[in-house]
mmCIF file of all heavy atoms, coordinates in Angstrom:
data_MODEL
# 
_entry.id   MODEL 
# 
loop_
_atom_site.group_PDB 
_atom_site.id 
_atom_site.type_symbol 
_atom_site.label_atom_id 
_atom_site.label_alt_id 
_atom_site.label_comp_id 
_atom_site.label_asym_id 
_atom_site.label_entity_id 
_atom_site.label_seq_id 
_atom_site.pdbx_PDB_ins_code 
_atom_site.Cartn_x 
_atom_site.Cartn_y 
_atom_site.Cartn_z 
_atom_site.occupancy 
_atom_site.B_iso_or_equiv 
_atom_site.pdbx_formal_charge 
_atom_site.auth_seq_id 
_atom_site.auth_comp_id 
_atom_site.auth_asym_id 
_atom_site.auth_atom_id 
_atom_site.pdbx_PDB_model_num 
ATOM 1   N N   . LEU A 1 1  ? 0.816  -1.226  0.010   1.00 0.00 ? 1  LEU A N   1 
ATOM 2   C CA  . LEU A 1 1  ? 0.012  0.015   -0.027  1.00 0.00 ? 1  LEU A CA  1 
ATOM 3   C C   . LEU A 1 1  ? 0.840  1.281   0.032   1.00 0.00 ? 1  LEU A C   1 
ATOM 4   O O   . LEU A 1 1  ? 0.546  2.216   -0.707  1.00 0.00 ? 1  LEU A O   1 
ATOM 5   C CB  . LEU A 1 1  ? -0.904 0.003   1.174   1.00 0.00 ? 1  LEU A CB  1 
ATOM 6   C CG  . LEU A 1 1  ? -2.050 -1.034  1.192   1.00 0.00 ? 1  LEU A CG  1 
ATOM 7   C CD1 . LEU A 1 1  ? -2.774 -1.098  2.480   1.00 0.00 ? 1  LEU A CD1 1 
ATOM 8   C CD2 . LEU A 1 1  ? -2.956 -0.762  0.051   1.00 0.00 ? 1  LEU A CD2 1 
ATOM 9   N N   . LEU A 1 2  ? 1.945  1.271   0.815   1.00 0.00 ? 2  LEU A N   1 
ATOM 10  C CA  . LEU A 1 2  ? 2.807  2.449   0.838   1.00 0.00 ? 2  LEU A CA  1 
ATOM 11  C C   . LEU A 1 2  ? 3.506  2.641   -0.536  1.00 0.00 ? 2  LEU A C   1 
ATOM 12  O O   . LEU A 1 2  ? 3.496  3.832   -0.983  1.00 0.00 ? 2  LEU A O   1 
ATOM 13  C CB  . LEU A 1 2  ? 3.900  2.218   1.888   1.00 0.00 ? 2  LEU A CB  1 
ATOM 14  C CG  . LEU A 1 2  ? 4.864  3.349   2.119   1.00 0.00 ? 2  LEU A CG  1 
ATOM 15  C CD1 . LEU A 1 2  ? 4.228  4.634   2.521   1.00 0.00 ? 2  LEU A CD1 1 
ATOM 16  C CD2 . LEU A 1 2  ? 5.965  2.959   3.140   1.00 0.00 ? 2  LEU A CD2 1 
ATOM 17  N N   . VAL A 1 3  ? 3.984  1.628   -1.140  1.00 0.00 ? 3  VAL A N   1 
ATOM 18  C CA  . VAL A 1 3  ? 4.685  1.819   -2.420  1.00 0.00 ? 3  VAL A CA  1 
ATOM 19  C C   . VAL A 1 3  ? 3.687  2.267   -3.468  1.00 0.00 ? 3  VAL A C   1 
ATOM 20  O O   . VAL A 1 3  ? 3.959  3.103   -4.283  1.00 0.00 ? 3  VAL A O   1 
ATOM 21  C CB  . VAL A 1 3  ? 5.400  0.560   -2.817  1.00 0.00 ? 3  VAL A CB  1 
ATOM 22  C CG1 . VAL A 1 3  ? 5.934  0.581   -4.303  1.00 0.00 ? 3  VAL A CG1 1 
ATOM 23  C CG2 . VAL A 1 3  ? 6.482  0.150   -1.809  1.00 0.00 ? 3  VAL A CG2 1 
ATOM 24  N N   . SER A 1 4  ? 2.499  1.694   -3.485  1.00 0.00 ? 4  SER A N   1 
ATOM 25  C CA  . SER A 1 4  ? 1.486  1.997   -4.527  1.00 0.00 ? 4  SER A CA  1 
ATOM 26  C C   . SER A 1 4  ? 1.045  3.450   -4.368  1.00 0.00 ? 4  SER A C   1 
ATOM 27  O O   . SER A 1 4  ? 0.802  4.185   -5.303  1.00 0.00 ? 4  SER A O   1 
ATOM 28  C CB  . SER A 1 4  ? 0.306  1.032   -4.473  1.00 0.00 ? 4  SER A CB  1 
ATOM 29  O OG  . SER A 1 4  ? -0.360 1.128   -3.218  1.00 0.00 ? 4  SER A OG  1 
ATOM 30  N N   . ARG A 1 5  ? 0.901  3.884   -3.111  1.00 0.00 ? 5  ARG A N   1 
ATOM 31  C CA  . ARG A 1 5  ? 0.508  5.280   -2.822  1.00 0.00 ? 5  ARG A CA  1 
ATOM 32  C C   . ARG A 1 5  ? 1.624  6.239   -3.272  1.00 0.00 ? 5  ARG A C   1 
ATOM 33  O O   . ARG A 1 5  ? 1.336  7.307   -3.859  1.00 0.00 ? 5  ARG A O   1 
ATOM 34  C CB  . ARG A 1 5  ? 0.224  5.456   -1.304  1.00 0.00 ? 5  ARG A CB  1 
ATOM 35  C CG  . ARG A 1 5  ? -1.034 4.805   -0.765  1.00 0.00 ? 5  ARG A CG  1 
ATOM 36  C CD  . ARG A 1 5  ? -2.257 5.568   -1.155  1.00 0.00 ? 5  ARG A CD  1 
ATOM 37  N NE  . ARG A 1 5  ? -3.445 5.114   -0.408  1.00 0.00 ? 5  ARG A NE  1 
ATOM 38  C CZ  . ARG A 1 5  ? -4.230 4.197   -0.827  1.00 0.00 ? 5  ARG A CZ  1 
ATOM 39  N NH1 . ARG A 1 5  ? -4.062 3.528   -2.005  1.00 0.00 ? 5  ARG A NH1 1 
ATOM 40  N NH2 . ARG A 1 5  ? -5.330 3.769   -0.055  1.00 0.00 ? 5  ARG A NH2 1 
ATOM 41  N N   . LEU A 1 6  ? 2.858  5.891   -2.997  1.00 0.00 ? 6  LEU A N   1 
ATOM 42  C CA  . LEU A 1 6  ? 3.957  6.731   -3.459  1.00 0.00 ? 6  LEU A CA  1 
ATOM 43  C C   . LEU A 1 6  ? 4.009  6.842   -4.988  1.00 0.00 ? 6  LEU A C   1 
ATOM 44  O O   . LEU A 1 6  ? 4.216  7.963   -5.502  1.00 0.00 ? 6  LEU A O   1 
ATOM 45  C CB  . LEU A 1 6  ? 5.275  6.153   -2.943  1.00 0.00 ? 6  LEU A CB  1 
ATOM 46  C CG  . LEU A 1 6  ? 5.561  6.295   -1.433  1.00 0.00 ? 6  LEU A CG  1 
ATOM 47  C CD1 . LEU A 1 6  ? 6.799  5.591   -1.025  1.00 0.00 ? 6  LEU A CD1 1 
ATOM 48  C CD2 . LEU A 1 6  ? 5.636  7.745   -1.001  1.00 0.00 ? 6  LEU A CD2 1 
ATOM 49  N N   . LEU A 1 7  ? 3.777  5.727   -5.650  1.00 0.00 ? 7  LEU A N   1 
ATOM 50  C CA  . LEU A 1 7  ? 3.749  5.773   -7.113  1.00 0.00 ? 7  LEU A CA  1 
ATOM 51  C C   . LEU A 1 7  ? 2.578  6.573   -7.621  1.00 0.00 ? 7  LEU A C   1 
ATOM 52  O O   . LEU A 1 7  ? 2.684  7.257   -8.654  1.00 0.00 ? 7  LEU A O   1 
ATOM 53  C CB  . LEU A 1 7  ? 3.714  4.356   -7.721  1.00 0.00 ? 7  LEU A CB  1 
ATOM 54  C CG  . LEU A 1 7  ? 4.929  3.494   -7.477  1.00 0.00 ? 7  LEU A CG  1 
ATOM 55  C CD1 . LEU A 1 7  ? 4.690  2.082   -7.986  1.00 0.00 ? 7  LEU A CD1 1 
ATOM 56  C CD2 . LEU A 1 7  ? 6.140  4.062   -8.195  1.00 0.00 ? 7  LEU A CD2 1 
ATOM 57  N N   . GLU A 1 8  ? 1.480  6.490   -6.950  1.00 0.00 ? 8  GLU A N   1 
ATOM 58  C CA  . GLU A 1 8  ? 0.258  7.231   -7.314  1.00 0.00 ? 8  GLU A CA  1 
ATOM 59  C C   . GLU A 1 8  ? 0.429  8.768   -7.241  1.00 0.00 ? 8  GLU A C   1 
ATOM 60  O O   . GLU A 1 8  ? 0.093  9.503   -8.124  1.00 0.00 ? 8  GLU A O   1 
ATOM 61  C CB  . GLU A 1 8  ? -0.940 6.791   -6.440  1.00 0.00 ? 8  GLU A CB  1 
ATOM 62  C CG  . GLU A 1 8  ? -2.194 7.533   -6.726  1.00 0.00 ? 8  GLU A CG  1 
ATOM 63  C CD  . GLU A 1 8  ? -3.293 7.144   -5.809  1.00 0.00 ? 8  GLU A CD  1 
ATOM 64  O OE1 . GLU A 1 8  ? -3.132 6.172   -5.017  1.00 0.00 ? 8  GLU A OE1 1 
ATOM 65  O OE2 . GLU A 1 8  ? -4.311 7.878   -5.715  1.00 0.00 ? 8  GLU A OE2 1 
ATOM 66  N N   . PHE A 1 9  ? 1.087  9.163   -6.086  1.00 0.00 ? 9  PHE A N   1 
ATOM 67  C CA  . PHE A 1 9  ? 1.254  10.568  -5.928  1.00 0.00 ? 9  PHE A CA  1 
ATOM 68  C C   . PHE A 1 9  ? 2.437  11.169  -6.732  1.00 0.00 ? 9  PHE A C   1 
ATOM 69  O O   . PHE A 1 9  ? 2.424  12.287  -7.122  1.00 0.00 ? 9  PHE A O   1 
ATOM 70  C CB  . PHE A 1 9  ? 1.432  10.894  -4.405  1.00 0.00 ? 9  PHE A CB  1 
ATOM 71  C CG  . PHE A 1 9  ? 0.208  10.610  -3.587  1.00 0.00 ? 9  PHE A CG  1 
ATOM 72  C CD1 . PHE A 1 9  ? 0.249  9.916   -2.474  1.00 0.00 ? 9  PHE A CD1 1 
ATOM 73  C CD2 . PHE A 1 9  ? -1.068 11.115  -4.052  1.00 0.00 ? 9  PHE A CD2 1 
ATOM 74  C CE1 . PHE A 1 9  ? -0.896 9.685   -1.659  1.00 0.00 ? 9  PHE A CE1 1 
ATOM 75  C CE2 . PHE A 1 9  ? -2.150 10.919  -3.288  1.00 0.00 ? 9  PHE A CE2 1 
ATOM 76  C CZ  . PHE A 1 9  ? -2.073 10.141  -2.160  1.00 0.00 ? 9  PHE A CZ  1 
ATOM 77  N N   . SER A 1 10 ? 3.508  10.336  -6.887  1.00 0.00 ? 10 SER A N   1 
ATOM 78  C CA  . SER A 1 10 ? 4.692  10.890  -7.541  1.00 0.00 ? 10 SER A CA  1 
ATOM 79  C C   . SER A 1 10 ? 4.649  10.703  -9.053  1.00 0.00 ? 10 SER A C   1 
ATOM 80  O O   . SER A 1 10 ? 5.133  11.591  -9.767  1.00 0.00 ? 10 SER A O   1 
ATOM 81  C CB  . SER A 1 10 ? 5.979  10.217  -6.973  1.00 0.00 ? 10 SER A CB  1 
ATOM 82  O OG  . SER A 1 10 ? 5.910  8.801   -7.216  1.00 0.00 ? 10 SER A OG  1 
ATOM 83  N N   . LEU A 1 11 ? 4.112  9.624   -9.551  1.00 0.00 ? 11 LEU A N   1 
ATOM 84  C CA  . LEU A 1 11 ? 4.075  9.371   -11.000 1.00 0.00 ? 11 LEU A CA  1 
ATOM 85  C C   . LEU A 1 11 ? 2.696  9.396   -11.577 1.00 0.00 ? 11 LEU A C   1 
ATOM 86  O O   . LEU A 1 11 ? 2.514  9.291   -12.831 1.00 0.00 ? 11 LEU A O   1 
ATOM 87  C CB  . LEU A 1 11 ? 4.699  8.012   -11.295 1.00 0.00 ? 11 LEU A CB  1 
ATOM 88  C CG  . LEU A 1 11 ? 6.126  7.831   -10.785 1.00 0.00 ? 11 LEU A CG  1 
ATOM 89  C CD1 . LEU A 1 11 ? 6.655  6.415   -11.174 1.00 0.00 ? 11 LEU A CD1 1 
ATOM 90  C CD2 . LEU A 1 11 ? 7.046  8.887   -11.441 1.00 0.00 ? 11 LEU A CD2 1 
ATOM 91  N N   . GLY A 1 12 ? 1.655  9.603   -10.754 1.00 0.00 ? 12 GLY A N   1 
ATOM 92  C CA  . GLY A 1 12 ? 0.313  9.661   -11.207 1.00 0.00 ? 12 GLY A CA  1 
ATOM 93  C C   . GLY A 1 12 ? -0.227 8.386   -11.829 1.00 0.00 ? 12 GLY A C   1 
ATOM 94  O O   . GLY A 1 12 ? -1.061 8.435   -12.754 1.00 0.00 ? 12 GLY A O   1 
ATOM 95  N N   . ILE A 1 13 ? 0.174  7.254   -11.306 1.00 0.00 ? 13 ILE A N   1 
ATOM 96  C CA  . ILE A 1 13 ? -0.331 5.958   -11.814 1.00 0.00 ? 13 ILE A CA  1 
ATOM 97  C C   . ILE A 1 13 ? -1.805 5.824   -11.436 1.00 0.00 ? 13 ILE A C   1 
ATOM 98  O O   . ILE A 1 13 ? -2.320 6.397   -10.428 1.00 0.00 ? 13 ILE A O   1 
ATOM 99  C CB  . ILE A 1 13 ? 0.443  4.788   -11.311 1.00 0.00 ? 13 ILE A CB  1 
ATOM 100 C CG1 . ILE A 1 13 ? 0.217  4.593   -9.829  1.00 0.00 ? 13 ILE A CG1 1 
ATOM 101 C CG2 . ILE A 1 13 ? 1.930  4.951   -11.704 1.00 0.00 ? 13 ILE A CG2 1 
ATOM 102 C CD1 . ILE A 1 13 ? 0.772  3.274   -9.289  1.00 0.00 ? 13 ILE A CD1 1 
ATOM 103 N N   . ASN A 1 14 ? -2.514 4.960   -12.121 1.00 0.00 ? 14 ASN A N   1 
ATOM 104 C CA  . ASN A 1 14 ? -3.915 4.698   -11.888 1.00 0.00 ? 14 ASN A CA  1 
ATOM 105 C C   . ASN A 1 14 ? -4.088 4.016   -10.514 1.00 0.00 ? 14 ASN A C   1 
ATOM 106 O O   . ASN A 1 14 ? -3.393 3.121   -10.183 1.00 0.00 ? 14 ASN A O   1 
ATOM 107 C CB  . ASN A 1 14 ? -4.438 3.826   -13.006 1.00 0.00 ? 14 ASN A CB  1 
ATOM 108 C CG  . ASN A 1 14 ? -6.009 3.691   -12.898 1.00 0.00 ? 14 ASN A CG  1 
ATOM 109 O OD1 . ASN A 1 14 ? -6.633 3.924   -11.969 1.00 0.00 ? 14 ASN A OD1 1 
ATOM 110 N ND2 . ASN A 1 14 ? -6.558 3.366   -14.133 1.00 0.00 ? 14 ASN A ND2 1 
ATOM 111 N N   . VAL A 1 15 ? -5.026 4.469   -9.744  1.00 0.00 ? 15 VAL A N   1 
ATOM 112 C CA  . VAL A 1 15 ? -5.286 3.940   -8.376  1.00 0.00 ? 15 VAL A CA  1 
ATOM 113 C C   . VAL A 1 15 ? -5.778 2.479   -8.471  1.00 0.00 ? 15 VAL A C   1 
ATOM 114 O O   . VAL A 1 15 ? -5.643 1.746   -7.538  1.00 0.00 ? 15 VAL A O   1 
ATOM 115 C CB  . VAL A 1 15 ? -6.342 4.777   -7.622  1.00 0.00 ? 15 VAL A CB  1 
ATOM 116 C CG1 . VAL A 1 15 ? -7.716 4.661   -8.300  1.00 0.00 ? 15 VAL A CG1 1 
ATOM 117 C CG2 . VAL A 1 15 ? -6.389 4.447   -6.159  1.00 0.00 ? 15 VAL A CG2 1 
ATOM 118 N N   . ALA A 1 16 ? -6.231 2.059   -9.655  1.00 0.00 ? 16 ALA A N   1 
ATOM 119 C CA  . ALA A 1 16 ? -6.750 0.735   -9.846  1.00 0.00 ? 16 ALA A CA  1 
ATOM 120 C C   . ALA A 1 16 ? -5.624 -0.316  -9.712  1.00 0.00 ? 16 ALA A C   1 
ATOM 121 O O   . ALA A 1 16 ? -5.919 -1.499  -9.572  1.00 0.00 ? 16 ALA A O   1 
ATOM 122 C CB  . ALA A 1 16 ? -7.475 0.564   -11.195 1.00 0.00 ? 16 ALA A CB  1 
ATOM 123 N N   . HIS A 1 17 ? -4.395 0.161   -9.790  1.00 0.00 ? 17 HIS A N   1 
ATOM 124 C CA  . HIS A 1 17 ? -3.256 -0.831  -9.622  1.00 0.00 ? 17 HIS A CA  1 
ATOM 125 C C   . HIS A 1 17 ? -3.225 -1.422  -8.228  1.00 0.00 ? 17 HIS A C   1 
ATOM 126 O O   . HIS A 1 17 ? -2.407 -2.297  -7.975  1.00 0.00 ? 17 HIS A O   1 
ATOM 127 C CB  . HIS A 1 17 ? -1.950 -0.104  -10.000 1.00 0.00 ? 17 HIS A CB  1 
ATOM 128 C CG  . HIS A 1 17 ? -1.810 0.181   -11.450 1.00 0.00 ? 17 HIS A CG  1 
ATOM 129 N ND1 . HIS A 1 17 ? -1.794 -0.862  -12.433 1.00 0.00 ? 17 HIS A ND1 1 
ATOM 130 C CD2 . HIS A 1 17 ? -1.647 1.336   -12.193 1.00 0.00 ? 17 HIS A CD2 1 
ATOM 131 C CE1 . HIS A 1 17 ? -1.641 -0.335  -13.589 1.00 0.00 ? 17 HIS A CE1 1 
ATOM 132 N NE2 . HIS A 1 17 ? -1.526 1.028   -13.449 1.00 0.00 ? 17 HIS A NE2 1 
ATOM 133 N N   . GLU A 1 18 ? -3.908 -0.806  -7.350  1.00 0.00 ? 18 GLU A N   1 
ATOM 134 C CA  . GLU A 1 18 ? -4.015 -1.367  -5.937  1.00 0.00 ? 18 GLU A CA  1 
ATOM 135 C C   . GLU A 1 18 ? -4.633 -2.710  -5.894  1.00 0.00 ? 18 GLU A C   1 
ATOM 136 O O   . GLU A 1 18 ? -4.565 -3.433  -4.921  1.00 0.00 ? 18 GLU A O   1 
ATOM 137 C CB  . GLU A 1 18 ? -4.747 -0.423  -4.995  1.00 0.00 ? 18 GLU A CB  1 
ATOM 138 C CG  . GLU A 1 18 ? -3.963 0.919   -4.772  1.00 0.00 ? 18 GLU A CG  1 
ATOM 139 C CD  . GLU A 1 18 ? -4.767 1.875   -3.949  1.00 0.00 ? 18 GLU A CD  1 
ATOM 140 O OE1 . GLU A 1 18 ? -5.953 1.600   -3.728  1.00 0.00 ? 18 GLU A OE1 1 
ATOM 141 O OE2 . GLU A 1 18 ? -4.211 2.904   -3.529  1.00 0.00 ? 18 GLU A OE2 1 
ATOM 142 N N   . ALA A 1 19 ? -5.282 -3.109  -7.055  1.00 0.00 ? 19 ALA A N   1 
ATOM 143 C CA  . ALA A 1 19 ? -5.868 -4.514  -7.068  1.00 0.00 ? 19 ALA A CA  1 
ATOM 144 C C   . ALA A 1 19 ? -4.930 -5.568  -6.871  1.00 0.00 ? 19 ALA A C   1 
ATOM 145 O O   . ALA A 1 19 ? -5.339 -6.669  -6.461  1.00 0.00 ? 19 ALA A O   1 
ATOM 146 C CB  . ALA A 1 19 ? -6.642 -4.657  -8.402  1.00 0.00 ? 19 ALA A CB  1 
ATOM 147 N N   . GLY A 1 20 ? -3.642 -5.319  -7.143  1.00 0.00 ? 20 GLY A N   1 
ATOM 148 C CA  . GLY A 1 20 ? -2.580 -6.364  -6.955  1.00 0.00 ? 20 GLY A CA  1 
ATOM 149 C C   . GLY A 1 20 ? -2.170 -6.582  -5.481  1.00 0.00 ? 20 GLY A C   1 
ATOM 150 O O   . GLY A 1 20 ? -1.288 -7.401  -5.238  1.00 0.00 ? 20 GLY A O   1 
ATOM 151 N N   . TYR A 1 21 ? -2.820 -5.864  -4.638  1.00 0.00 ? 21 TYR A N   1 
ATOM 152 C CA  . TYR A 1 21 ? -2.526 -5.920  -3.148  1.00 0.00 ? 21 TYR A CA  1 
ATOM 153 C C   . TYR A 1 21 ? -2.520 -7.337  -2.593  1.00 0.00 ? 21 TYR A C   1 
ATOM 154 O O   . TYR A 1 21 ? -1.709 -7.721  -1.836  1.00 0.00 ? 21 TYR A O   1 
ATOM 155 C CB  . TYR A 1 21 ? -3.570 -5.045  -2.465  1.00 0.00 ? 21 TYR A CB  1 
ATOM 156 C CG  . TYR A 1 21 ? -3.792 -5.286  -1.019  1.00 0.00 ? 21 TYR A CG  1 
ATOM 157 C CD1 . TYR A 1 21 ? -3.022 -4.704  -0.045  1.00 0.00 ? 21 TYR A CD1 1 
ATOM 158 C CD2 . TYR A 1 21 ? -4.866 -6.046  -0.624  1.00 0.00 ? 21 TYR A CD2 1 
ATOM 159 C CE1 . TYR A 1 21 ? -3.241 -4.884  1.279   1.00 0.00 ? 21 TYR A CE1 1 
ATOM 160 C CE2 . TYR A 1 21 ? -5.120 -6.226  0.709   1.00 0.00 ? 21 TYR A CE2 1 
ATOM 161 C CZ  . TYR A 1 21 ? -4.303 -5.632  1.657   1.00 0.00 ? 21 TYR A CZ  1 
ATOM 162 O OH  . TYR A 1 21 ? -4.573 -5.855  3.011   1.00 0.00 ? 21 TYR A OH  1 
ATOM 163 N N   . ILE A 1 22 ? -3.402 -8.195  -3.103  1.00 0.00 ? 22 ILE A N   1 
ATOM 164 C CA  . ILE A 1 22 ? -3.507 -9.531  -2.622  1.00 0.00 ? 22 ILE A CA  1 
ATOM 165 C C   . ILE A 1 22 ? -2.191 -10.307 -2.841  1.00 0.00 ? 22 ILE A C   1 
ATOM 166 O O   . ILE A 1 22 ? -1.849 -11.189 -2.141  1.00 0.00 ? 22 ILE A O   1 
ATOM 167 C CB  . ILE A 1 22 ? -4.733 -10.236 -3.262  1.00 0.00 ? 22 ILE A CB  1 
ATOM 168 C CG1 . ILE A 1 22 ? -4.830 -11.715 -2.793  1.00 0.00 ? 22 ILE A CG1 1 
ATOM 169 C CG2 . ILE A 1 22 ? -4.688 -10.197 -4.823  1.00 0.00 ? 22 ILE A CG2 1 
ATOM 170 C CD1 . ILE A 1 22 ? -5.063 -11.940 -1.340  1.00 0.00 ? 22 ILE A CD1 1 
ATOM 171 N N   . GLY A 1 23 ? -1.550 -10.005 -3.957  1.00 0.00 ? 23 GLY A N   1 
ATOM 172 C CA  . GLY A 1 23 ? -0.352 -10.723 -4.359  1.00 0.00 ? 23 GLY A CA  1 
ATOM 173 C C   . GLY A 1 23 ? 0.776  -10.672 -3.287  1.00 0.00 ? 23 GLY A C   1 
ATOM 174 O O   . GLY A 1 23 ? 1.570  -11.570 -3.194  1.00 0.00 ? 23 GLY A O   1 
ATOM 175 N N   . SER A 1 24 ? 0.805  -9.551  -2.586  1.00 0.00 ? 24 SER A N   1 
ATOM 176 C CA  . SER A 1 24 ? 1.905  -9.425  -1.601  1.00 0.00 ? 24 SER A CA  1 
ATOM 177 C C   . SER A 1 24 ? 1.851  -10.365 -0.416  1.00 0.00 ? 24 SER A C   1 
ATOM 178 O O   . SER A 1 24 ? 2.856  -10.509 0.270   1.00 0.00 ? 24 SER A O   1 
ATOM 179 C CB  . SER A 1 24 ? 1.871  -7.937  -1.077  1.00 0.00 ? 24 SER A CB  1 
ATOM 180 O OG  . SER A 1 24 ? 0.680  -7.694  -0.367  1.00 0.00 ? 24 SER A OG  1 
ATOM 181 N N   . MET A 1 25 ? 0.702  -11.012 -0.225  1.00 0.00 ? 25 MET A N   1 
ATOM 182 C CA  . MET A 1 25 ? 0.572  -11.920 0.920   1.00 0.00 ? 25 MET A CA  1 
ATOM 183 C C   . MET A 1 25 ? 0.438  -13.367 0.526   1.00 0.00 ? 25 MET A C   1 
ATOM 184 O O   . MET A 1 25 ? 0.224  -14.241 1.368   1.00 0.00 ? 25 MET A O   1 
ATOM 185 C CB  . MET A 1 25 ? -0.650 -11.535 1.768   1.00 0.00 ? 25 MET A CB  1 
ATOM 186 C CG  . MET A 1 25 ? -1.889 -11.437 0.919   1.00 0.00 ? 25 MET A CG  1 
ATOM 187 S SD  . MET A 1 25 ? -3.336 -10.837 1.898   1.00 0.00 ? 25 MET A SD  1 
ATOM 188 C CE  . MET A 1 25 ? -3.787 -12.322 2.764   1.00 0.00 ? 25 MET A CE  1 
ATOM 189 N N   . LEU A 1 26 ? 0.641  -13.591 -0.808  1.00 0.00 ? 26 LEU A N   1 
ATOM 190 C CA  . LEU A 1 26 ? 0.443  -15.041 -1.215  1.00 0.00 ? 26 LEU A CA  1 
ATOM 191 C C   . LEU A 1 26 ? 1.573  -16.011 -0.826  1.00 0.00 ? 26 LEU A C   1 
ATOM 192 O O   . LEU A 1 26 ? 1.386  -17.241 -0.965  1.00 0.00 ? 26 LEU A O   1 
ATOM 193 C CB  . LEU A 1 26 ? 0.259  -15.018 -2.785  1.00 0.00 ? 26 LEU A CB  1 
ATOM 194 C CG  . LEU A 1 26 ? -1.017 -14.395 -3.321  1.00 0.00 ? 26 LEU A CG  1 
ATOM 195 C CD1 . LEU A 1 26 ? -1.039 -14.364 -4.836  1.00 0.00 ? 26 LEU A CD1 1 
ATOM 196 C CD2 . LEU A 1 26 ? -2.261 -15.059 -2.731  1.00 0.00 ? 26 LEU A CD2 1 
ATOM 197 N N   . PHE A 1 27 ? 2.620  -15.457 -0.259  1.00 0.00 ? 27 PHE A N   1 
ATOM 198 C CA  . PHE A 1 27 ? 3.702  -16.357 0.247   1.00 0.00 ? 27 PHE A CA  1 
ATOM 199 C C   . PHE A 1 27 ? 3.204  -17.120 1.439   1.00 0.00 ? 27 PHE A C   1 
ATOM 200 O O   . PHE A 1 27 ? 3.834  -18.164 1.873   1.00 0.00 ? 27 PHE A O   1 
ATOM 201 C CB  . PHE A 1 27 ? 4.923  -15.507 0.575   1.00 0.00 ? 27 PHE A CB  1 
ATOM 202 C CG  . PHE A 1 27 ? 4.703  -14.539 1.716   1.00 0.00 ? 27 PHE A CG  1 
ATOM 203 C CD1 . PHE A 1 27 ? 4.780  -14.885 3.073   1.00 0.00 ? 27 PHE A CD1 1 
ATOM 204 C CD2 . PHE A 1 27 ? 4.413  -13.233 1.387   1.00 0.00 ? 27 PHE A CD2 1 
ATOM 205 C CE1 . PHE A 1 27 ? 4.564  -14.033 4.082   1.00 0.00 ? 27 PHE A CE1 1 
ATOM 206 C CE2 . PHE A 1 27 ? 4.173  -12.307 2.418   1.00 0.00 ? 27 PHE A CE2 1 
ATOM 207 C CZ  . PHE A 1 27 ? 4.280  -12.685 3.760   1.00 0.00 ? 27 PHE A CZ  1 
# 
């Protein structure tokens, strides 16, 4: 969430990219 927020505010990426959040816990 922190990295995606930073990319959203600094590079203006689409907020919909947060959908990949589930992948970070699949380990």
